[in-house]
Amino acid sequence: MTDSRATATSSVEADRRPSIHCAMTGLDRPELVEQLVDAHLRRYVASDRGGGDSAGEVDGGAA
């Protein structure tokens, strides 16, 4: 898995609560965000079902 960065603007309270949670549980913020996304954002899924490298198959592979 590759990592990516994200920036979010929130209230002071909304920023403070994850920091306190992380301090109490020993998690770091990226781990907490990943757990929250996994637990609460399950409705939509993005997947590639192509089954292989298709870089040379622009027109569907027909020769």
N, C-alpha and C. Protein backbone atom coordinates (compact mmCIF):
# COMPACT_ATOMS: atom_id res chain seq x y z
N MET A 1 0.84 -1.18 0.00
CA MET A 1 0.00 0.00 0.00
C MET A 1 0.89 1.23 0.00
N THR A 2 0.50 2.23 -0.77
CA THR A 2 1.24 3.48 -0.76
C THR A 2 0.52 4.47 0.14
N ASP A 3 1.27 5.37 0.69
CA ASP A 3 0.71 6.38 1.57
C ASP A 3 0.37 7.63 0.78
N SER A 4 -0.59 8.38 1.26
CA SER A 4 -0.91 9.67 0.68
C SER A 4 -1.14 10.65 1.81
N ARG A 5 -1.09 11.91 1.49
CA ARG A 5 -1.29 12.96 2.49
C ARG A 5 -2.65 13.61 2.28
N ALA A 6 -3.23 14.07 3.38
CA ALA A 6 -4.49 14.80 3.31
C ALA A 6 -4.46 15.91 4.35
N THR A 7 -5.11 17.00 4.03
CA THR A 7 -5.22 18.12 4.95
C THR A 7 -6.69 18.42 5.14
N ALA A 8 -7.09 18.63 6.39
CA ALA A 8 -8.48 18.96 6.69
C ALA A 8 -8.51 20.13 7.66
N THR A 9 -9.48 20.99 7.48
CA THR A 9 -9.68 22.11 8.39
C THR A 9 -10.83 21.76 9.32
N SER A 10 -10.62 21.96 10.63
CA SER A 10 -11.66 21.64 11.61
C SER A 10 -11.57 22.60 12.78
N SER A 11 -12.57 22.53 13.64
CA SER A 11 -12.57 23.36 14.84
C SER A 11 -11.47 22.91 15.78
N VAL A 12 -11.14 23.74 16.74
CA VAL A 12 -10.11 23.40 17.73
C VAL A 12 -10.53 22.14 18.49
N GLU A 13 -11.79 22.05 18.86
CA GLU A 13 -12.28 20.87 19.60
C GLU A 13 -12.19 19.61 18.75
N ALA A 14 -12.58 19.70 17.48
CA ALA A 14 -12.52 18.54 16.61
C ALA A 14 -11.08 18.10 16.36
N ASP A 15 -10.14 19.00 16.44
CA ASP A 15 -8.72 18.66 16.29
C ASP A 15 -8.16 18.09 17.59
N ARG A 16 -8.63 18.58 18.69
CA ARG A 16 -8.10 18.17 20.00
C ARG A 16 -8.51 16.74 20.36
N ARG A 17 -9.73 16.36 20.05
CA ARG A 17 -10.22 15.04 20.45
C ARG A 17 -9.42 13.88 19.88
N PRO A 18 -9.09 13.87 18.58
CA PRO A 18 -8.24 12.78 18.08
C PRO A 18 -6.85 12.77 18.72
N SER A 19 -6.31 13.96 19.00
CA SER A 19 -4.99 14.02 19.64
C SER A 19 -5.02 13.39 21.02
N ILE A 20 -6.07 13.68 21.78
CA ILE A 20 -6.21 13.10 23.12
C ILE A 20 -6.41 11.59 23.01
N HIS A 21 -7.25 11.16 22.08
CA HIS A 21 -7.48 9.73 21.88
C HIS A 21 -6.17 9.01 21.55
N CYS A 22 -5.39 9.60 20.66
CA CYS A 22 -4.11 8.99 20.28
C CYS A 22 -3.15 8.92 21.46
N ALA A 23 -3.12 9.96 22.26
CA ALA A 23 -2.24 9.97 23.43
C ALA A 23 -2.65 8.88 24.42
N MET A 24 -3.94 8.65 24.57
CA MET A 24 -4.42 7.67 25.54
C MET A 24 -4.30 6.23 25.04
N THR A 25 -4.34 6.03 23.73
CA THR A 25 -4.31 4.68 23.19
C THR A 25 -2.98 4.27 22.58
N GLY A 26 -2.07 5.24 22.41
CA GLY A 26 -0.77 4.93 21.84
C GLY A 26 -0.76 4.87 20.33
N LEU A 27 -1.84 5.26 19.69
CA LEU A 27 -1.89 5.32 18.22
C LEU A 27 -1.27 6.63 17.75
N ASP A 28 -0.86 6.67 16.49
CA ASP A 28 -0.54 7.97 15.91
C ASP A 28 -1.75 8.40 15.07
N ARG A 29 -1.77 9.66 14.71
CA ARG A 29 -2.96 10.20 14.01
C ARG A 29 -3.27 9.48 12.70
N PRO A 30 -2.26 9.18 11.86
CA PRO A 30 -2.60 8.45 10.62
C PRO A 30 -3.24 7.09 10.89
N GLU A 31 -2.79 6.39 11.92
CA GLU A 31 -3.40 5.10 12.27
C GLU A 31 -4.85 5.29 12.69
N LEU A 32 -5.11 6.32 13.49
CA LEU A 32 -6.47 6.61 13.94
C LEU A 32 -7.37 6.95 12.75
N VAL A 33 -6.89 7.79 11.84
CA VAL A 33 -7.68 8.16 10.67
C VAL A 33 -7.99 6.93 9.84
N GLU A 34 -7.01 6.06 9.63
CA GLU A 34 -7.24 4.84 8.86
C GLU A 34 -8.29 3.96 9.54
N GLN A 35 -8.22 3.82 10.86
CA GLN A 35 -9.22 3.03 11.59
C GLN A 35 -10.61 3.63 11.44
N LEU A 36 -10.72 4.96 11.54
CA LEU A 36 -12.02 5.62 11.41
C LEU A 36 -12.59 5.46 10.01
N VAL A 37 -11.75 5.61 8.99
CA VAL A 37 -12.21 5.42 7.62
C VAL A 37 -12.68 3.99 7.41
N ASP A 38 -11.88 3.02 7.86
CA ASP A 38 -12.25 1.61 7.70
C ASP A 38 -13.55 1.27 8.42
N ALA A 39 -13.76 1.85 9.59
CA ALA A 39 -14.94 1.53 10.40
C ALA A 39 -16.21 2.25 9.93
N HIS A 40 -16.06 3.46 9.39
CA HIS A 40 -17.25 4.27 9.16
C HIS A 40 -17.53 4.64 7.71
N LEU A 41 -16.60 4.38 6.80
CA LEU A 41 -16.82 4.76 5.40
C LEU A 41 -16.77 3.51 4.52
N ARG A 42 -17.77 2.67 4.67
CA ARG A 42 -17.80 1.39 3.96
C ARG A 42 -18.79 1.35 2.79
N ARG A 43 -19.58 2.38 2.61
CA ARG A 43 -20.63 2.32 1.60
C ARG A 43 -20.08 2.21 0.17
N TYR A 44 -19.05 2.98 -0.14
CA TYR A 44 -18.51 3.00 -1.49
C TYR A 44 -17.16 2.30 -1.53
N VAL A 45 -16.90 1.59 -2.63
CA VAL A 45 -15.65 0.85 -2.80
C VAL A 45 -15.08 1.21 -4.17
N ALA A 46 -13.78 1.47 -4.21
CA ALA A 46 -13.09 1.71 -5.48
C ALA A 46 -12.20 0.52 -5.75
N SER A 47 -12.35 -0.10 -6.92
CA SER A 47 -11.52 -1.26 -7.23
C SER A 47 -11.24 -1.32 -8.72
N ASP A 48 -10.15 -1.97 -9.05
CA ASP A 48 -9.75 -2.21 -10.43
C ASP A 48 -9.88 -3.70 -10.68
N ARG A 49 -10.80 -4.10 -11.51
CA ARG A 49 -11.04 -5.51 -11.76
C ARG A 49 -10.54 -5.93 -13.14
N GLY A 50 -9.55 -5.16 -13.66
CA GLY A 50 -9.02 -5.42 -14.99
C GLY A 50 -8.25 -6.72 -15.09
N GLY A 51 -7.57 -7.12 -14.04
CA GLY A 51 -6.88 -8.39 -14.03
C GLY A 51 -5.52 -8.40 -14.69
N GLY A 52 -4.88 -7.28 -14.77
CA GLY A 52 -3.53 -7.31 -15.33
C GLY A 52 -3.14 -5.97 -15.90
N ASP A 53 -1.94 -5.95 -16.49
CA ASP A 53 -1.41 -4.74 -17.09
C ASP A 53 -2.09 -4.51 -18.44
N SER A 54 -2.77 -3.39 -18.57
CA SER A 54 -3.46 -3.10 -19.82
C SER A 54 -2.85 -1.90 -20.54
N ALA A 55 -1.58 -1.59 -20.23
CA ALA A 55 -0.94 -0.42 -20.82
C ALA A 55 -0.88 -0.50 -22.34
N GLY A 56 -0.74 -1.68 -22.92
CA GLY A 56 -0.65 -1.82 -24.36
C GLY A 56 -1.96 -2.13 -25.03
N GLU A 57 -3.07 -2.09 -24.31
CA GLU A 57 -4.36 -2.49 -24.86
C GLU A 57 -5.33 -1.32 -24.91
N VAL A 58 -4.95 -0.26 -25.58
CA VAL A 58 -5.77 0.93 -25.66
C VAL A 58 -7.08 0.64 -26.40
N ASP A 59 -7.04 -0.16 -27.46
CA ASP A 59 -8.23 -0.43 -28.26
C ASP A 59 -8.86 -1.78 -27.93
N GLY A 60 -8.57 -2.30 -26.75
CA GLY A 60 -9.16 -3.57 -26.34
C GLY A 60 -8.33 -4.77 -26.72
N GLY A 61 -7.14 -4.56 -27.23
CA GLY A 61 -6.25 -5.66 -27.53
C GLY A 61 -6.36 -6.19 -28.94
N ALA A 62 -7.24 -5.61 -29.77
CA ALA A 62 -7.37 -6.10 -31.14
C ALA A 62 -6.16 -5.71 -31.96
N ALA A 63 -5.66 -6.62 -32.80
CA ALA A 63 -4.48 -6.33 -33.61
C ALA A 63 -4.87 -5.95 -35.02
